[in-house]
Amino acid sequence: MIKGLALLAFSFLLGQWMGELLGSWLGINANVGGVGFAMIILLLSKEWLIKQKLLNPEMEFGIDFWGKLYIPVVIAMAASLNVKSAVSAGTLAILAGIIPVFISLMIFPILIKNFDKSAHG
């Protein structure tokens, strides 16, 4: 499990570096796609380890476990940054975030009510 975490950390750091590098090449003072690069590196590394027969079940469990935690944590961090940007950008940005949430909250109960349980198990 520790080796899986080490591979995830390596993928994350390399992906963040690549995102910063891409941002600087584009003239943007931001990380551009660092999370995406990290996930691609993690997937390619895992496939390479499988082909080389170096991936034992414990390491695979660590990669899968931390990989599943990685995505929600990064999404939560990005969402908090988006909220900070929206609050500083003004009313229109805040409404663009609030209105879809309220629409979803109104539509979701209707979808649940119309969900046919007999057709899905």
C-alpha atoms as a PDB file:
ATOM      1  CA  MET A   1       0.000   0.000   0.000  1.00  0.00           C
ATOM      2  CA  ILE A   2       2.906   2.345   0.755  1.00  0.00           C
ATOM      3  CA  LYS A   3       4.382   1.754  -2.699  1.00  0.00           C
ATOM      4  CA  GLY A   4       1.025   2.607  -4.248  1.00  0.00           C
ATOM      5  CA  LEU A   5       0.947   5.851  -2.277  1.00  0.00           C
ATOM      6  CA  ALA A   6       4.520   6.593  -3.362  1.00  0.00           C
ATOM      7  CA  LEU A   7       3.572   6.100  -7.008  1.00  0.00           C
ATOM      8  CA  LEU A   8       0.535   8.340  -6.569  1.00  0.00           C
ATOM      9  CA  ALA A   9       2.672  11.045  -4.917  1.00  0.00           C
ATOM     10  CA  PHE A  10       5.237  10.816  -7.713  1.00  0.00           C
ATOM     11  CA  SER A  11       2.454  11.080 -10.319  1.00  0.00           C
ATOM     12  CA  PHE A  12       0.932  14.049  -8.518  1.00  0.00           C
ATOM     13  CA  LEU A  13       4.209  15.959  -8.228  1.00  0.00           C
ATOM     14  CA  LEU A  14       5.202  15.273 -11.830  1.00  0.00           C
ATOM     15  CA  GLY A  15       1.708  16.207 -13.051  1.00  0.00           C
ATOM     16  CA  GLN A  16       1.725  19.459 -11.080  1.00  0.00           C
ATOM     17  CA  TRP A  17       5.139  20.330 -12.469  1.00  0.00           C
ATOM     18  CA  MET A  18       3.938  19.616 -16.018  1.00  0.00           C
ATOM     19  CA  GLY A  19       0.814  21.740 -15.424  1.00  0.00           C
ATOM     20  CA  GLU A  20       2.901  24.659 -14.158  1.00  0.00           C
ATOM     21  CA  LEU A  21       5.275  24.279 -17.104  1.00  0.00           C
ATOM     22  CA  LEU A  22       2.396  24.247 -19.597  1.00  0.00           C
ATOM     23  CA  GLY A  23       0.898  27.305 -17.912  1.00  0.00           C
ATOM     24  CA  SER A  24       4.164  29.208 -18.203  1.00  0.00           C
ATOM     25  CA  TRP A  25       4.557  28.179 -21.860  1.00  0.00           C
ATOM     26  CA  LEU A  26       1.059  29.504 -22.558  1.00  0.00           C
ATOM     27  CA  GLY A  27       1.808  32.734 -20.696  1.00  0.00           C
ATOM     28  CA  ILE A  28      -0.710  31.967 -17.958  1.00  0.00           C
ATOM     29  CA  ASN A  29       0.276  32.333 -14.332  1.00  0.00           C
ATOM     30  CA  ALA A  30      -1.576  29.139 -13.349  1.00  0.00           C
ATOM     31  CA  ASN A  31      -1.383  25.370 -13.333  1.00  0.00           C
ATOM     32  CA  VAL A  32      -2.952  24.142 -16.571  1.00  0.00           C
ATOM     33  CA  GLY A  33      -4.044  20.511 -16.416  1.00  0.00           C
ATOM     34  CA  GLY A  34      -1.773  19.365 -13.619  1.00  0.00           C
ATOM     35  CA  VAL A  35      -4.399  17.037 -12.157  1.00  0.00           C
ATOM     36  CA  GLY A  36      -5.118  15.541 -15.552  1.00  0.00           C
ATOM     37  CA  PHE A  37      -1.427  14.998 -16.220  1.00  0.00           C
ATOM     38  CA  ALA A  38      -1.083  13.342 -12.812  1.00  0.00           C
ATOM     39  CA  MET A  39      -3.939  10.915 -13.487  1.00  0.00           C
ATOM     40  CA  ILE A  40      -2.551  10.039 -16.921  1.00  0.00           C
ATOM     41  CA  ILE A  41       0.894   9.439 -15.419  1.00  0.00           C
ATOM     42  CA  LEU A  42      -0.646   7.244 -12.711  1.00  0.00           C
ATOM     43  CA  LEU A  43      -2.590   5.172 -15.255  1.00  0.00           C
ATOM     44  CA  LEU A  44       0.403   4.789 -17.572  1.00  0.00           C
ATOM     45  CA  SER A  45       2.671   3.874 -14.651  1.00  0.00           C
ATOM     46  CA  LYS A  46       0.229   1.227 -13.463  1.00  0.00           C
ATOM     47  CA  GLU A  47      -0.030  -0.252 -16.965  1.00  0.00           C
ATOM     48  CA  TRP A  48       3.761  -0.252 -17.296  1.00  0.00           C
ATOM     49  CA  LEU A  49       4.114  -2.062 -13.962  1.00  0.00           C
ATOM     50  CA  ILE A  50       1.546  -4.655 -15.079  1.00  0.00           C
ATOM     51  CA  LYS A  51       3.402  -5.287 -18.352  1.00  0.00           C
ATOM     52  CA  GLN A  52       6.719  -5.617 -16.495  1.00  0.00           C
ATOM     53  CA  LYS A  53       5.054  -7.993 -13.989  1.00  0.00           C
ATOM     54  CA  LEU A  54       6.186  -5.739 -11.127  1.00  0.00           C
ATOM     55  CA  LEU A  55       2.731  -4.995  -9.776  1.00  0.00           C
ATOM     56  CA  ASN A  56       1.947  -7.168  -6.775  1.00  0.00           C
ATOM     57  CA  PRO A  57      -1.584  -7.275  -5.291  1.00  0.00           C
ATOM     58  CA  GLU A  58      -0.646  -5.098  -2.294  1.00  0.00           C
ATOM     59  CA  MET A  59       0.781  -2.376  -4.525  1.00  0.00           C
ATOM     60  CA  GLU A  60      -2.231  -2.583  -6.839  1.00  0.00           C
ATOM     61  CA  PHE A  61      -4.537  -2.190  -3.824  1.00  0.00           C
ATOM     62  CA  GLY A  62      -2.582   0.892  -2.727  1.00  0.00           C
ATOM     63  CA  ILE A  63      -2.761   2.470  -6.177  1.00  0.00           C
ATOM     64  CA  ASP A  64      -6.483   1.758  -6.496  1.00  0.00           C
ATOM     65  CA  PHE A  65      -7.285   2.891  -2.963  1.00  0.00           C
ATOM     66  CA  TRP A  66      -5.386   6.167  -3.118  1.00  0.00           C
ATOM     67  CA  GLY A  67      -6.417   6.748  -6.721  1.00  0.00           C
ATOM     68  CA  LYS A  68     -10.078   6.582  -5.697  1.00  0.00           C
ATOM     69  CA  LEU A  69      -9.475   9.057  -2.881  1.00  0.00           C
ATOM     70  CA  TYR A  70      -7.370  11.336  -5.048  1.00  0.00           C
ATOM     71  CA  ILE A  71     -10.120  12.403  -7.450  1.00  0.00           C
ATOM     72  CA  PRO A  72     -12.690  13.560  -4.831  1.00  0.00           C
ATOM     73  CA  VAL A  73     -10.035  15.408  -2.832  1.00  0.00           C
ATOM     74  CA  VAL A  74      -8.745  17.259  -5.881  1.00  0.00           C
ATOM     75  CA  ILE A  75     -12.277  18.083  -7.025  1.00  0.00           C
ATOM     76  CA  ALA A  76     -13.068  19.461  -3.568  1.00  0.00           C
ATOM     77  CA  MET A  77      -9.921  21.603  -3.633  1.00  0.00           C
ATOM     78  CA  ALA A  78     -10.729  22.902  -7.111  1.00  0.00           C
ATOM     79  CA  ALA A  79     -14.317  23.629  -6.066  1.00  0.00           C
ATOM     80  CA  SER A  80     -13.134  25.713  -3.119  1.00  0.00           C
ATOM     81  CA  LEU A  81     -10.901  27.723  -5.453  1.00  0.00           C
ATOM     82  CA  ASN A  82     -13.830  28.216  -7.829  1.00  0.00           C
ATOM     83  CA  VAL A  83     -15.973  29.530  -4.966  1.00  0.00           C
ATOM     84  CA  LYS A  84     -13.254  32.004  -3.985  1.00  0.00           C
ATOM     85  CA  SER A  85     -13.002  33.166  -7.604  1.00  0.00           C
ATOM     86  CA  ALA A  86     -16.781  33.453  -7.940  1.00  0.00           C
ATOM     87  CA  VAL A  87     -17.137  35.508  -4.766  1.00  0.00           C
ATOM     88  CA  SER A  88     -14.431  37.908  -5.908  1.00  0.00           C
ATOM     89  CA  ALA A  89     -15.834  38.068  -9.488  1.00  0.00           C
ATOM     90  CA  GLY A  90     -19.248  39.385  -8.525  1.00  0.00           C
ATOM     91  CA  THR A  91     -22.955  38.652  -8.517  1.00  0.00           C
ATOM     92  CA  LEU A  92     -23.245  37.058 -11.955  1.00  0.00           C
ATOM     93  CA  ALA A  93     -20.646  34.406 -11.139  1.00  0.00           C
ATOM     94  CA  ILE A  94     -22.350  33.624  -7.837  1.00  0.00           C
ATOM     95  CA  LEU A  95     -25.761  33.291  -9.515  1.00  0.00           C
ATOM     96  CA  ALA A  96     -24.236  31.061 -12.207  1.00  0.00           C
ATOM     97  CA  GLY A  97     -23.261  28.682  -9.414  1.00  0.00           C
ATOM     98  CA  ILE A  98     -26.362  28.939  -7.228  1.00  0.00           C
ATOM     99  CA  ILE A  99     -29.074  28.633  -9.901  1.00  0.00           C
ATOM    100  CA  PRO A 100     -27.974  25.188 -11.233  1.00  0.00           C
ATOM    101  CA  VAL A 101     -27.758  23.879  -7.668  1.00  0.00           C
ATOM    102  CA  PHE A 102     -31.333  24.937  -6.888  1.00  0.00           C
ATOM    103  CA  ILE A 103     -32.596  23.540 -10.198  1.00  0.00           C
ATOM    104  CA  SER A 104     -30.870  20.231  -9.408  1.00  0.00           C
ATOM    105  CA  LEU A 105     -32.392  20.188  -5.914  1.00  0.00           C
ATOM    106  CA  MET A 106     -35.863  20.610  -7.435  1.00  0.00           C
ATOM    107  CA  ILE A 107     -35.414  18.040 -10.217  1.00  0.00           C
ATOM    108  CA  PHE A 108     -33.692  15.305  -8.180  1.00  0.00           C
ATOM    109  CA  PRO A 109     -36.785  14.377  -6.077  1.00  0.00           C
ATOM    110  CA  ILE A 110     -38.820  14.101  -9.283  1.00  0.00           C
ATOM    111  CA  LEU A 111     -36.242  11.748 -10.776  1.00  0.00           C
ATOM    112  CA  ILE A 112     -36.207   9.613  -7.634  1.00  0.00           C
ATOM    113  CA  LYS A 113     -39.996   9.426  -7.591  1.00  0.00           C
ATOM    114  CA  ASN A 114     -40.099   8.306 -11.232  1.00  0.00           C
ATOM    115  CA  PHE A 115     -37.300   5.780 -10.848  1.00  0.00           C
ATOM    116  CA  ASP A 116     -38.648   2.298 -11.603  1.00  0.00           C
ATOM    117  CA  LYS A 117     -37.129   0.007  -8.967  1.00  0.00           C
ATOM    118  CA  SER A 118     -38.456  -3.181 -10.588  1.00  0.00           C
ATOM    119  CA  ALA A 119     -36.473  -2.511 -13.781  1.00  0.00           C
ATOM    120  CA  HIS A 120     -33.191  -2.020 -11.911  1.00  0.00           C
ATOM    121  CA  GLY A 121     -33.041  -4.941  -9.524  1.00  0.00           C
END
